[in-house]
Amino acid sequence: MHPIPPSFMALQPSPPRGWRAPDLAALAERHEFCEDLAQSLAESCRGLPGALGVTADDVLERCHRGLAGPDAGVSPAESVWVLRRLAELLGWRDPGDWLDPAAG
């Protein structure tokens, strides 16, 4: 199991005072799922810009559309995290400057 990075912990809303903290086991499970998804996408996407004659941003946009779909199994915030992690794994520009987390 991977340690949960602060960037993933930040996806969790802060509970109001007096509420229970998020279940760390469940959070670790969600992180593991999202990390595995990013790793799997990295394997699939690595050669796409050269093979398809598109930019890395084009590939990330297509992945974002897929992650935003109902069958992706991730929340909108998680989809943004997966996409940013994918870019990091591939050494591509962070899509944070064009990606709208609210668009999920």
PDB file of N, CA and C in Angstrom:
ATOM      1  N   MET A   1       0.846  -1.181   0.000  1.00  0.00           N
ATOM      2  CA  MET A   1       0.000   0.000   0.000  1.00  0.00           C
ATOM      3  C   MET A   1       0.890   1.243   0.000  1.00  0.00           C
ATOM      4  N   HIS A   2       0.558   2.206  -0.846  1.00  0.00           N
ATOM      5  CA  HIS A   2       1.318   3.451  -0.936  1.00  0.00           C
ATOM      6  C   HIS A   2       0.920   4.387   0.202  1.00  0.00           C
ATOM      7  N   PRO A   3       1.843   5.225   0.655  1.00  0.00           N
ATOM      8  CA  PRO A   3       1.446   6.266   1.603  1.00  0.00           C
ATOM      9  C   PRO A   3       0.493   7.241   0.901  1.00  0.00           C
ATOM     10  N   ILE A   4      -0.424   7.798   1.636  1.00  0.00           N
ATOM     11  CA  ILE A   4      -1.388   8.738   1.052  1.00  0.00           C
ATOM     12  C   ILE A   4      -0.722  10.106   0.973  1.00  0.00           C
ATOM     13  N   PRO A   5      -0.538  10.638  -0.258  1.00  0.00           N
ATOM     14  CA  PRO A   5       0.123  11.939  -0.381  1.00  0.00           C
ATOM     15  C   PRO A   5      -0.809  13.075   0.053  1.00  0.00           C
ATOM     16  N   PRO A   6      -0.223  14.182   0.482  1.00  0.00           N
ATOM     17  CA  PRO A   6      -1.033  15.338   0.881  1.00  0.00           C
ATOM     18  C   PRO A   6      -1.988  15.802  -0.217  1.00  0.00           C
ATOM     19  N   SER A   7      -1.569  15.679  -1.488  1.00  0.00           N
ATOM     20  CA  SER A   7      -2.438  16.116  -2.585  1.00  0.00           C
ATOM     21  C   SER A   7      -3.728  15.300  -2.627  1.00  0.00           C
ATOM     22  N   PHE A   8      -3.671  14.038  -2.226  1.00  0.00           N
ATOM     23  CA  PHE A   8      -4.882  13.218  -2.197  1.00  0.00           C
ATOM     24  C   PHE A   8      -5.677  13.497  -0.921  1.00  0.00           C
ATOM     25  N   MET A   9      -4.976  13.679   0.180  1.00  0.00           N
ATOM     26  CA  MET A   9      -5.664  14.002   1.442  1.00  0.00           C
ATOM     27  C   MET A   9      -6.465  15.295   1.296  1.00  0.00           C
ATOM     28  N   ALA A  10      -5.936  16.231   0.499  1.00  0.00           N
ATOM     29  CA  ALA A  10      -6.597  17.523   0.313  1.00  0.00           C
ATOM     30  C   ALA A  10      -7.934  17.397  -0.408  1.00  0.00           C
ATOM     31  N   LEU A  11      -8.185  16.260  -1.056  1.00  0.00           N
ATOM     32  CA  LEU A  11      -9.466  16.066  -1.738  1.00  0.00           C
ATOM     33  C   LEU A  11     -10.614  15.916  -0.755  1.00  0.00           C
ATOM     34  N   GLN A  12     -10.287  15.556   0.475  1.00  0.00           N
ATOM     35  CA  GLN A  12     -11.315  15.322   1.475  1.00  0.00           C
ATOM     36  C   GLN A  12     -11.737  16.640   2.110  1.00  0.00           C
ATOM     37  N   PRO A  13     -13.021  16.908   2.123  1.00  0.00           N
ATOM     38  CA  PRO A  13     -13.460  18.155   2.763  1.00  0.00           C
ATOM     39  C   PRO A  13     -13.179  18.103   4.254  1.00  0.00           C
ATOM     40  N   SER A  14     -12.848  19.238   4.816  1.00  0.00           N
ATOM     41  CA  SER A  14     -12.636  19.304   6.258  1.00  0.00           C
ATOM     42  C   SER A  14     -13.988  19.199   6.951  1.00  0.00           C
ATOM     43  N   PRO A  15     -14.118  18.240   7.858  1.00  0.00           N
ATOM     44  CA  PRO A  15     -15.401  18.113   8.549  1.00  0.00           C
ATOM     45  C   PRO A  15     -15.595  19.261   9.531  1.00  0.00           C
ATOM     46  N   PRO A  16     -16.829  19.651   9.758  1.00  0.00           N
ATOM     47  CA  PRO A  16     -17.084  20.686  10.764  1.00  0.00           C
ATOM     48  C   PRO A  16     -16.583  20.221  12.129  1.00  0.00           C
ATOM     49  N   ARG A  17     -16.335  21.158  12.966  1.00  0.00           N
ATOM     50  CA  ARG A  17     -15.828  20.857  14.316  1.00  0.00           C
ATOM     51  C   ARG A  17     -16.744  19.845  15.011  1.00  0.00           C
ATOM     52  N   GLY A  18     -16.111  18.843  15.583  1.00  0.00           N
ATOM     53  CA  GLY A  18     -16.876  17.837  16.317  1.00  0.00           C
ATOM     54  C   GLY A  18     -17.244  16.620  15.480  1.00  0.00           C
ATOM     55  N   TRP A  19     -17.073  16.668  14.160  1.00  0.00           N
ATOM     56  CA  TRP A  19     -17.369  15.510  13.313  1.00  0.00           C
ATOM     57  C   TRP A  19     -16.175  14.584  13.299  1.00  0.00           C
ATOM     58  N   ARG A  20     -16.436  13.347  12.978  1.00  0.00           N
ATOM     59  CA  ARG A  20     -15.358  12.354  12.886  1.00  0.00           C
ATOM     60  C   ARG A  20     -14.485  12.632  11.681  1.00  0.00           C
ATOM     61  N   ALA A  21     -13.226  12.341  11.836  1.00  0.00           N
ATOM     62  CA  ALA A  21     -12.288  12.439  10.711  1.00  0.00           C
ATOM     63  C   ALA A  21     -12.620  11.335   9.713  1.00  0.00           C
ATOM     64  N   PRO A  22     -12.211  11.491   8.452  1.00  0.00           N
ATOM     65  CA  PRO A  22     -12.487  10.449   7.466  1.00  0.00           C
ATOM     66  C   PRO A  22     -11.824   9.132   7.869  1.00  0.00           C
ATOM     67  N   ASP A  23     -12.435   8.053   7.512  1.00  0.00           N
ATOM     68  CA  ASP A  23     -11.906   6.720   7.774  1.00  0.00           C
ATOM     69  C   ASP A  23     -10.617   6.542   6.969  1.00  0.00           C
ATOM     70  N   LEU A  24      -9.492   6.443   7.672  1.00  0.00           N
ATOM     71  CA  LEU A  24      -8.200   6.381   6.977  1.00  0.00           C
ATOM     72  C   LEU A  24      -8.054   5.117   6.146  1.00  0.00           C
ATOM     73  N   ALA A  25      -8.646   4.015   6.564  1.00  0.00           N
ATOM     74  CA  ALA A  25      -8.564   2.784   5.772  1.00  0.00           C
ATOM     75  C   ALA A  25      -9.310   2.962   4.450  1.00  0.00           C
ATOM     76  N   ALA A  26     -10.480   3.575   4.508  1.00  0.00           N
ATOM     77  CA  ALA A  26     -11.256   3.814   3.285  1.00  0.00           C
ATOM     78  C   ALA A  26     -10.533   4.818   2.392  1.00  0.00           C
ATOM     79  N   LEU A  27      -9.943   5.819   2.988  1.00  0.00           N
ATOM     80  CA  LEU A  27      -9.200   6.820   2.225  1.00  0.00           C
ATOM     81  C   LEU A  27      -7.983   6.182   1.553  1.00  0.00           C
ATOM     82  N   ALA A  28      -7.287   5.327   2.275  1.00  0.00           N
ATOM     83  CA  ALA A  28      -6.138   4.620   1.703  1.00  0.00           C
ATOM     84  C   ALA A  28      -6.574   3.727   0.544  1.00  0.00           C
ATOM     85  N   GLU A  29      -7.727   3.108   0.683  1.00  0.00           N
ATOM     86  CA  GLU A  29      -8.255   2.259  -0.393  1.00  0.00           C
ATOM     87  C   GLU A  29      -8.576   3.092  -1.636  1.00  0.00           C
ATOM     88  N   ARG A  30      -9.196   4.248  -1.451  1.00  0.00           N
ATOM     89  CA  ARG A  30      -9.507   5.132  -2.588  1.00  0.00           C
ATOM     90  C   ARG A  30      -8.219   5.622  -3.243  1.00  0.00           C
ATOM     91  N   HIS A  31      -7.229   5.976  -2.424  1.00  0.00           N
ATOM     92  CA  HIS A  31      -5.954   6.420  -2.984  1.00  0.00           C
ATOM     93  C   HIS A  31      -5.308   5.302  -3.794  1.00  0.00           C
ATOM     94  N   GLU A  32      -5.313   4.107  -3.260  1.00  0.00           N
ATOM     95  CA  GLU A  32      -4.716   2.969  -3.963  1.00  0.00           C
ATOM     96  C   GLU A  32      -5.404   2.756  -5.313  1.00  0.00           C
ATOM     97  N   PHE A  33      -6.727   2.850  -5.333  1.00  0.00           N
ATOM     98  CA  PHE A  33      -7.482   2.706  -6.580  1.00  0.00           C
ATOM     99  C   PHE A  33      -7.069   3.784  -7.581  1.00  0.00           C
ATOM    100  N   CYS A  34      -7.005   5.040  -7.123  1.00  0.00           N
ATOM    101  CA  CYS A  34      -6.666   6.150  -8.013  1.00  0.00           C
ATOM    102  C   CYS A  34      -5.219   6.056  -8.488  1.00  0.00           C
ATOM    103  N   GLU A  35      -4.315   5.664  -7.613  1.00  0.00           N
ATOM    104  CA  GLU A  35      -2.911   5.502  -8.006  1.00  0.00           C
ATOM    105  C   GLU A  35      -2.785   4.391  -9.043  1.00  0.00           C
ATOM    106  N   ASP A  36      -3.454   3.268  -8.813  1.00  0.00           N
ATOM    107  CA  ASP A  36      -3.414   2.160  -9.783  1.00  0.00           C
ATOM    108  C   ASP A  36      -3.991   2.588 -11.129  1.00  0.00           C
ATOM    109  N   LEU A  37      -5.054   3.383 -11.096  1.00  0.00           N
ATOM    110  CA  LEU A  37      -5.662   3.879 -12.331  1.00  0.00           C
ATOM    111  C   LEU A  37      -4.674   4.774 -13.085  1.00  0.00           C
ATOM    112  N   ALA A  38      -4.018   5.670 -12.369  1.00  0.00           N
ATOM    113  CA  ALA A  38      -3.033   6.556 -13.008  1.00  0.00           C
ATOM    114  C   ALA A  38      -1.878   5.747 -13.592  1.00  0.00           C
ATOM    115  N   GLN A  39      -1.404   4.751 -12.863  1.00  0.00           N
ATOM    116  CA  GLN A  39      -0.309   3.906 -13.354  1.00  0.00           C
ATOM    117  C   GLN A  39      -0.723   3.154 -14.617  1.00  0.00           C
ATOM    118  N   SER A  40      -1.939   2.621 -14.605  1.00  0.00           N
ATOM    119  CA  SER A  40      -2.449   1.884 -15.764  1.00  0.00           C
ATOM    120  C   SER A  40      -2.597   2.810 -16.977  1.00  0.00           C
ATOM    121  N   LEU A  41      -3.134   3.994 -16.747  1.00  0.00           N
ATOM    122  CA  LEU A  41      -3.280   4.955 -17.838  1.00  0.00           C
ATOM    123  C   LEU A  41      -1.915   5.371 -18.383  1.00  0.00           C
ATOM    124  N   ALA A  42      -0.924   5.487 -17.510  1.00  0.00           N
ATOM    125  CA  ALA A  42       0.416   5.870 -17.957  1.00  0.00           C
ATOM    126  C   ALA A  42       0.962   4.844 -18.941  1.00  0.00           C
ATOM    127  N   GLU A  43       0.766   3.578 -18.637  1.00  0.00           N
ATOM    128  CA  GLU A  43       1.227   2.525 -19.539  1.00  0.00           C
ATOM    129  C   GLU A  43       0.542   2.638 -20.902  1.00  0.00           C
ATOM    130  N   SER A  44      -0.753   2.929 -20.883  1.00  0.00           N
ATOM    131  CA  SER A  44      -1.523   3.020 -22.122  1.00  0.00           C
ATOM    132  C   SER A  44      -1.224   4.291 -22.913  1.00  0.00           C
ATOM    133  N   CYS A  45      -0.936   5.374 -22.224  1.00  0.00           N
ATOM    134  CA  CYS A  45      -0.827   6.689 -22.873  1.00  0.00           C
ATOM    135  C   CYS A  45       0.592   7.079 -23.266  1.00  0.00           C
ATOM    136  N   ARG A  46       1.568   6.406 -22.747  1.00  0.00           N
ATOM    137  CA  ARG A  46       2.966   6.809 -22.919  1.00  0.00           C
ATOM    138  C   ARG A  46       3.328   7.134 -24.375  1.00  0.00           C
ATOM    139  N   GLY A  47       3.007   6.275 -25.303  1.00  0.00           N
ATOM    140  CA  GLY A  47       3.410   6.482 -26.693  1.00  0.00           C
ATOM    141  C   GLY A  47       2.367   7.128 -27.585  1.00  0.00           C
ATOM    142  N   LEU A  48       1.225   7.500 -27.025  1.00  0.00           N
ATOM    143  CA  LEU A  48       0.144   8.027 -27.866  1.00  0.00           C
ATOM    144  C   LEU A  48       0.468   9.320 -28.608  1.00  0.00           C
ATOM    145  N   PRO A  49       1.140  10.292 -27.991  1.00  0.00           N
ATOM    146  CA  PRO A  49       1.409  11.511 -28.756  1.00  0.00           C
ATOM    147  C   PRO A  49       2.168  11.221 -30.052  1.00  0.00           C
ATOM    148  N   GLY A  50       3.190  10.428 -29.991  1.00  0.00           N
ATOM    149  CA  GLY A  50       3.956  10.112 -31.197  1.00  0.00           C
ATOM    150  C   GLY A  50       3.188   9.233 -32.161  1.00  0.00           C
ATOM    151  N   ALA A  51       2.486   8.233 -31.638  1.00  0.00           N
ATOM    152  CA  ALA A  51       1.766   7.289 -32.492  1.00  0.00           C
ATOM    153  C   ALA A  51       0.576   7.937 -33.192  1.00  0.00           C
ATOM    154  N   LEU A  52      -0.093   8.852 -32.508  1.00  0.00           N
ATOM    155  CA  LEU A  52      -1.299   9.467 -33.078  1.00  0.00           C
ATOM    156  C   LEU A  52      -1.045  10.856 -33.655  1.00  0.00           C
ATOM    157  N   GLY A  53       0.142  11.388 -33.439  1.00  0.00           N
ATOM    158  CA  GLY A  53       0.432  12.732 -33.926  1.00  0.00           C
ATOM    159  C   GLY A  53      -0.359  13.799 -33.193  1.00  0.00           C
ATOM    160  N   VAL A  54      -0.561  13.603 -31.896  1.00  0.00           N
ATOM    161  CA  VAL A  54      -1.289  14.570 -31.074  1.00  0.00           C
ATOM    162  C   VAL A  54      -0.348  15.047 -29.961  1.00  0.00           C
ATOM    163  N   THR A  55      -0.769  16.060 -29.240  1.00  0.00           N
ATOM    164  CA  THR A  55       0.038  16.563 -28.128  1.00  0.00           C
ATOM    165  C   THR A  55      -0.294  15.799 -26.849  1.00  0.00           C
ATOM    166  N   ALA A  56       0.581  15.941 -25.876  1.00  0.00           N
ATOM    167  CA  ALA A  56       0.318  15.355 -24.558  1.00  0.00           C
ATOM    168  C   ALA A  56      -0.963  15.950 -23.975  1.00  0.00           C
ATOM    169  N   ASP A  57      -1.189  17.247 -24.181  1.00  0.00           N
ATOM    170  CA  ASP A  57      -2.423  17.872 -23.683  1.00  0.00           C
ATOM    171  C   ASP A  57      -3.657  17.240 -24.324  1.00  0.00           C
ATOM    172  N   ASP A  58      -3.573  16.895 -25.617  1.00  0.00           N
ATOM    173  CA  ASP A  58      -4.698  16.230 -26.278  1.00  0.00           C
ATOM    174  C   ASP A  58      -5.003  14.898 -25.593  1.00  0.00           C
ATOM    175  N   VAL A  59      -3.960  14.144 -25.294  1.00  0.00           N
ATOM    176  CA  VAL A  59      -4.140  12.845 -24.633  1.00  0.00           C
ATOM    177  C   VAL A  59      -4.758  13.051 -23.251  1.00  0.00           C
ATOM    178  N   LEU A  60      -4.255  14.042 -22.507  1.00  0.00           N
ATOM    179  CA  LEU A  60      -4.796  14.311 -21.173  1.00  0.00           C
ATOM    180  C   LEU A  60      -6.256  14.746 -21.244  1.00  0.00           C
ATOM    181  N   GLU A  61      -6.598  15.555 -22.237  1.00  0.00           N
ATOM    182  CA  GLU A  61      -8.002  15.975 -22.388  1.00  0.00           C
ATOM    183  C   GLU A  61      -8.910  14.780 -22.648  1.00  0.00           C
ATOM    184  N   ARG A  62      -8.467  13.873 -23.487  1.00  0.00           N
ATOM    185  CA  ARG A  62      -9.259  12.673 -23.786  1.00  0.00           C
ATOM    186  C   ARG A  62      -9.401  11.806 -22.546  1.00  0.00           C
ATOM    187  N   CYS A  63      -8.322  11.678 -21.803  1.00  0.00           N
ATOM    188  CA  CYS A  63      -8.398  10.912 -20.554  1.00  0.00           C
ATOM    189  C   CYS A  63      -9.352  11.584 -19.574  1.00  0.00           C
ATOM    190  N   HIS A  64      -9.315  12.901 -19.525  1.00  0.00           N
ATOM    191  CA  HIS A  64     -10.203  13.626 -18.615  1.00  0.00           C
ATOM    192  C   HIS A  64     -11.664  13.374 -18.955  1.00  0.00           C
ATOM    193  N   ARG A  65     -11.976  13.374 -20.244  1.00  0.00           N
ATOM    194  CA  ARG A  65     -13.362  13.096 -20.648  1.00  0.00           C
ATOM    195  C   ARG A  65     -13.769  11.693 -20.202  1.00  0.00           C
ATOM    196  N   GLY A  66     -12.873  10.739 -20.341  1.00  0.00           N
ATOM    197  CA  GLY A  66     -13.172   9.372 -19.910  1.00  0.00           C
ATOM    198  C   GLY A  66     -13.318   9.263 -18.406  1.00  0.00           C
ATOM    199  N   LEU A  67     -12.484   9.957 -17.672  1.00  0.00           N
ATOM    200  CA  LEU A  67     -12.551   9.919 -16.215  1.00  0.00           C
ATOM    201  C   LEU A  67     -13.791  10.630 -15.683  1.00  0.00           C
ATOM    202  N   ALA A  68     -14.331  11.543 -16.462  1.00  0.00           N
ATOM    203  CA  ALA A  68     -15.535  12.270 -16.039  1.00  0.00           C
ATOM    204  C   ALA A  68     -16.799  11.450 -16.274  1.00  0.00           C
ATOM    205  N   GLY A  69     -16.688  10.355 -17.001  1.00  0.00           N
ATOM    206  CA  GLY A  69     -17.853   9.528 -17.297  1.00  0.00           C
ATOM    207  C   GLY A  69     -18.327   8.739 -16.088  1.00  0.00           C
ATOM    208  N   PRO A  70     -19.570   8.296 -16.137  1.00  0.00           N
ATOM    209  CA  PRO A  70     -20.152   7.602 -14.991  1.00  0.00           C
ATOM    210  C   PRO A  70     -19.517   6.237 -14.698  1.00  0.00           C
ATOM    211  N   ASP A  71     -18.856   5.652 -15.676  1.00  0.00           N
ATOM    212  CA  ASP A  71     -18.274   4.327 -15.476  1.00  0.00           C
ATOM    213  C   ASP A  71     -16.827   4.372 -15.005  1.00  0.00           C
ATOM    214  N   ALA A  72     -16.272   5.546 -14.812  1.00  0.00           N
ATOM    215  CA  ALA A  72     -14.867   5.669 -14.430  1.00  0.00           C
ATOM    216  C   ALA A  72     -14.611   5.202 -12.999  1.00  0.00           C
ATOM    217  N   GLY A  73     -15.610   5.329 -12.148  1.00  0.00           N
ATOM    218  CA  GLY A  73     -15.455   4.879 -10.764  1.00  0.00           C
ATOM    219  C   GLY A  73     -14.716   5.850  -9.866  1.00  0.00           C
ATOM    220  N   VAL A  74     -14.568   7.104 -10.316  1.00  0.00           N
ATOM    221  CA  VAL A  74     -13.902   8.119  -9.502  1.00  0.00           C
ATOM    222  C   VAL A  74     -14.783   9.357  -9.403  1.00  0.00           C
ATOM    223  N   SER A  75     -14.613  10.075  -8.309  1.00  0.00           N
ATOM    224  CA  SER A  75     -15.343  11.331  -8.133  1.00  0.00           C
ATOM    225  C   SER A  75     -14.707  12.395  -9.026  1.00  0.00           C
ATOM    226  N   PRO A  76     -15.382  13.523  -9.227  1.00  0.00           N
ATOM    227  CA  PRO A  76     -14.772  14.595 -10.015  1.00  0.00           C
ATOM    228  C   PRO A  76     -13.414  15.041  -9.452  1.00  0.00           C
ATOM    229  N   ALA A  77     -13.313  15.175  -8.146  1.00  0.00           N
ATOM    230  CA  ALA A  77     -12.043  15.582  -7.543  1.00  0.00           C
ATOM    231  C   ALA A  77     -10.975  14.506  -7.747  1.00  0.00           C
ATOM    232  N   GLU A  78     -11.360  13.256  -7.604  1.00  0.00           N
ATOM    233  CA  GLU A  78     -10.414  12.165  -7.827  1.00  0.00           C
ATOM    234  C   GLU A  78      -9.969  12.120  -9.280  1.00  0.00           C
ATOM    235  N   SER A  79     -10.873  12.425 -10.215  1.00  0.00           N
ATOM    236  CA  SER A  79     -10.510  12.396 -11.634  1.00  0.00           C
ATOM    237  C   SER A  79      -9.425  13.429 -11.926  1.00  0.00           C
ATOM    238  N   VAL A  80      -9.516  14.594 -11.300  1.00  0.00           N
ATOM    239  CA  VAL A  80      -8.502  15.626 -11.472  1.00  0.00           C
ATOM    240  C   VAL A  80      -7.176  15.144 -10.888  1.00  0.00           C
ATOM    241  N   TRP A  81      -7.233  14.514  -9.715  1.00  0.00           N
ATOM    242  CA  TRP A  81      -6.018  14.000  -9.097  1.00  0.00           C
ATOM    243  C   TRP A  81      -5.374  12.943  -9.992  1.00  0.00           C
ATOM    244  N   VAL A  82      -6.166  12.023 -10.520  1.00  0.00           N
ATOM    245  CA  VAL A  82      -5.646  10.965 -11.397  1.00  0.00           C
ATOM    246  C   VAL A  82      -4.990  11.585 -12.626  1.00  0.00           C
ATOM    247  N   LEU A  83      -5.626  12.563 -13.211  1.00  0.00           N
ATOM    248  CA  LEU A  83      -5.081  13.204 -14.408  1.00  0.00           C
ATOM    249  C   LEU A  83      -3.756  13.908 -14.108  1.00  0.00           C
ATOM    250  N   ARG A  84      -3.699  14.606 -12.994  1.00  0.00           N
ATOM    251  CA  ARG A  84      -2.456  15.296 -12.625  1.00  0.00           C
ATOM    252  C   ARG A  84      -1.360  14.280 -12.300  1.00  0.00           C
ATOM    253  N   ARG A  85      -1.746  13.180 -11.666  1.00  0.00           N
ATOM    254  CA  ARG A  85      -0.766  12.125 -11.361  1.00  0.00           C
ATOM    255  C   ARG A  85      -0.274  11.472 -12.655  1.00  0.00           C
ATOM    256  N   LEU A  86      -1.179  11.270 -13.606  1.00  0.00           N
ATOM    257  CA  LEU A  86      -0.810  10.720 -14.906  1.00  0.00           C
ATOM    258  C   LEU A  86       0.237  11.604 -15.578  1.00  0.00           C
ATOM    259  N   ALA A  87      -0.007  12.896 -15.604  1.00  0.00           N
ATOM    260  CA  ALA A  87       0.944  13.829 -16.208  1.00  0.00           C
ATOM    261  C   ALA A  87       2.290  13.755 -15.490  1.00  0.00           C
ATOM    262  N   GLU A  88       2.255  13.662 -14.176  1.00  0.00           N
ATOM    263  CA  GLU A  88       3.490  13.558 -13.407  1.00  0.00           C
ATOM    264  C   GLU A  88       4.257  12.287 -13.764  1.00  0.00           C
ATOM    265  N   LEU A  89       3.558  11.163 -13.831  1.00  0.00           N
ATOM    266  CA  LEU A  89       4.201   9.885 -14.159  1.00  0.00           C
ATOM    267  C   LEU A  89       4.854   9.911 -15.538  1.00  0.00           C
ATOM    268  N   LEU A  90       4.237  10.610 -16.472  1.00  0.00           N
ATOM    269  CA  LEU A  90       4.741  10.647 -17.841  1.00  0.00           C
ATOM    270  C   LEU A  90       5.729  11.790 -18.087  1.00  0.00           C
ATOM    271  N   GLY A  91       5.916  12.643 -17.087  1.00  0.00           N
ATOM    272  CA  GLY A  91       6.807  13.782 -17.267  1.00  0.00           C
ATOM    273  C   GLY A  91       6.224  14.850 -18.164  1.00  0.00           C
ATOM    274  N   TRP A  92       4.888  14.904 -18.222  1.00  0.00           N
ATOM    275  CA  TRP A  92       4.203  15.893 -19.046  1.00  0.00           C
ATOM    276  C   TRP A  92       3.862  17.107 -18.194  1.00  0.00           C
ATOM    277  N   ARG A  93       3.547  18.194 -18.883  1.00  0.00           N
ATOM    278  CA  ARG A  93       3.145  19.432 -18.205  1.00  0.00           C
ATOM    279  C   ARG A  93       1.909  19.181 -17.349  1.00  0.00           C
ATOM    280  N   ASP A  94       1.921  19.725 -16.145  1.00  0.00           N
ATOM    281  CA  ASP A  94       0.774  19.589 -15.241  1.00  0.00           C
ATOM    282  C   ASP A  94      -0.432  20.279 -15.877  1.00  0.00           C
ATOM    283  N   PRO A  95      -1.551  19.559 -16.008  1.00  0.00           N
ATOM    284  CA  PRO A  95      -2.726  20.162 -16.646  1.00  0.00           C
ATOM    285  C   PRO A  95      -3.466  21.130 -15.746  1.00  0.00           C
ATOM    286  N   GLY A  96      -2.958  21.391 -14.564  1.00  0.00           N
ATOM    287  CA  GLY A  96      -3.652  22.241 -13.607  1.00  0.00           C
ATOM    288  C   GLY A  96      -4.000  23.614 -14.126  1.00  0.00           C
ATOM    289  N   ASP A  97      -3.208  24.138 -15.067  1.00  0.00           N
ATOM    290  CA  ASP A  97      -3.494  25.483 -15.542  1.00  0.00           C
ATOM    291  C   ASP A  97      -4.639  25.536 -16.543  1.00  0.00           C
ATOM    292  N   TRP A  98      -5.052  24.399 -17.118  1.00  0.00           N
ATOM    293  CA  TRP A  98      -6.201  24.412 -18.015  1.00  0.00           C
ATOM    294  C   TRP A  98      -7.347  23.554 -17.514  1.00  0.00           C
ATOM    295  N   LEU A  99      -7.086  22.792 -16.486  1.00  0.00           N
ATOM    296  CA  LEU A  99      -8.092  21.864 -15.988  1.00  0.00           C
ATOM    297  C   LEU A  99      -8.951  22.549 -14.934  1.00  0.00           C
ATOM    298  N   ASP A 100     -10.234  22.491 -15.122  1.00  0.00           N
ATOM    299  CA  ASP A 100     -11.171  23.078 -14.165  1.00  0.00           C
ATOM    300  C   ASP A 100     -11.710  21.965 -13.292  1.00  0.00           C
ATOM    301  N   PRO A 101     -11.279  21.883 -12.007  1.00  0.00           N
ATOM    302  CA  PRO A 101     -11.753  20.811 -11.147  1.00  0.00           C
ATOM    303  C   PRO A 101     -13.282  20.757 -11.048  1.00  0.00           C
ATOM    304  N   ALA A 102     -13.933  21.892 -11.172  1.00  0.00           N
ATOM    305  CA  ALA A 102     -15.394  21.904 -11.099  1.00  0.00           C
ATOM    306  C   ALA A 102     -16.024  21.210 -12.292  1.00  0.00           C
ATOM    307  N   ALA A 103     -15.286  21.137 -13.403  1.00  0.00           N
ATOM    308  CA  ALA A 103     -15.816  20.476 -14.601  1.00  0.00           C
ATOM    309  C   ALA A 103     -15.794  18.978 -14.444  1.00  0.00           C
ATOM    310  N   GLY A 104     -14.919  18.498 -13.475  1.00  0.00           N
ATOM    311  CA  GLY A 104     -14.842  17.088 -13.126  1.00  0.00           C
ATOM    312  C   GLY A 104     -14.692  16.227 -14.277  1.00  0.00           C
TER     313      GLY A 104
END
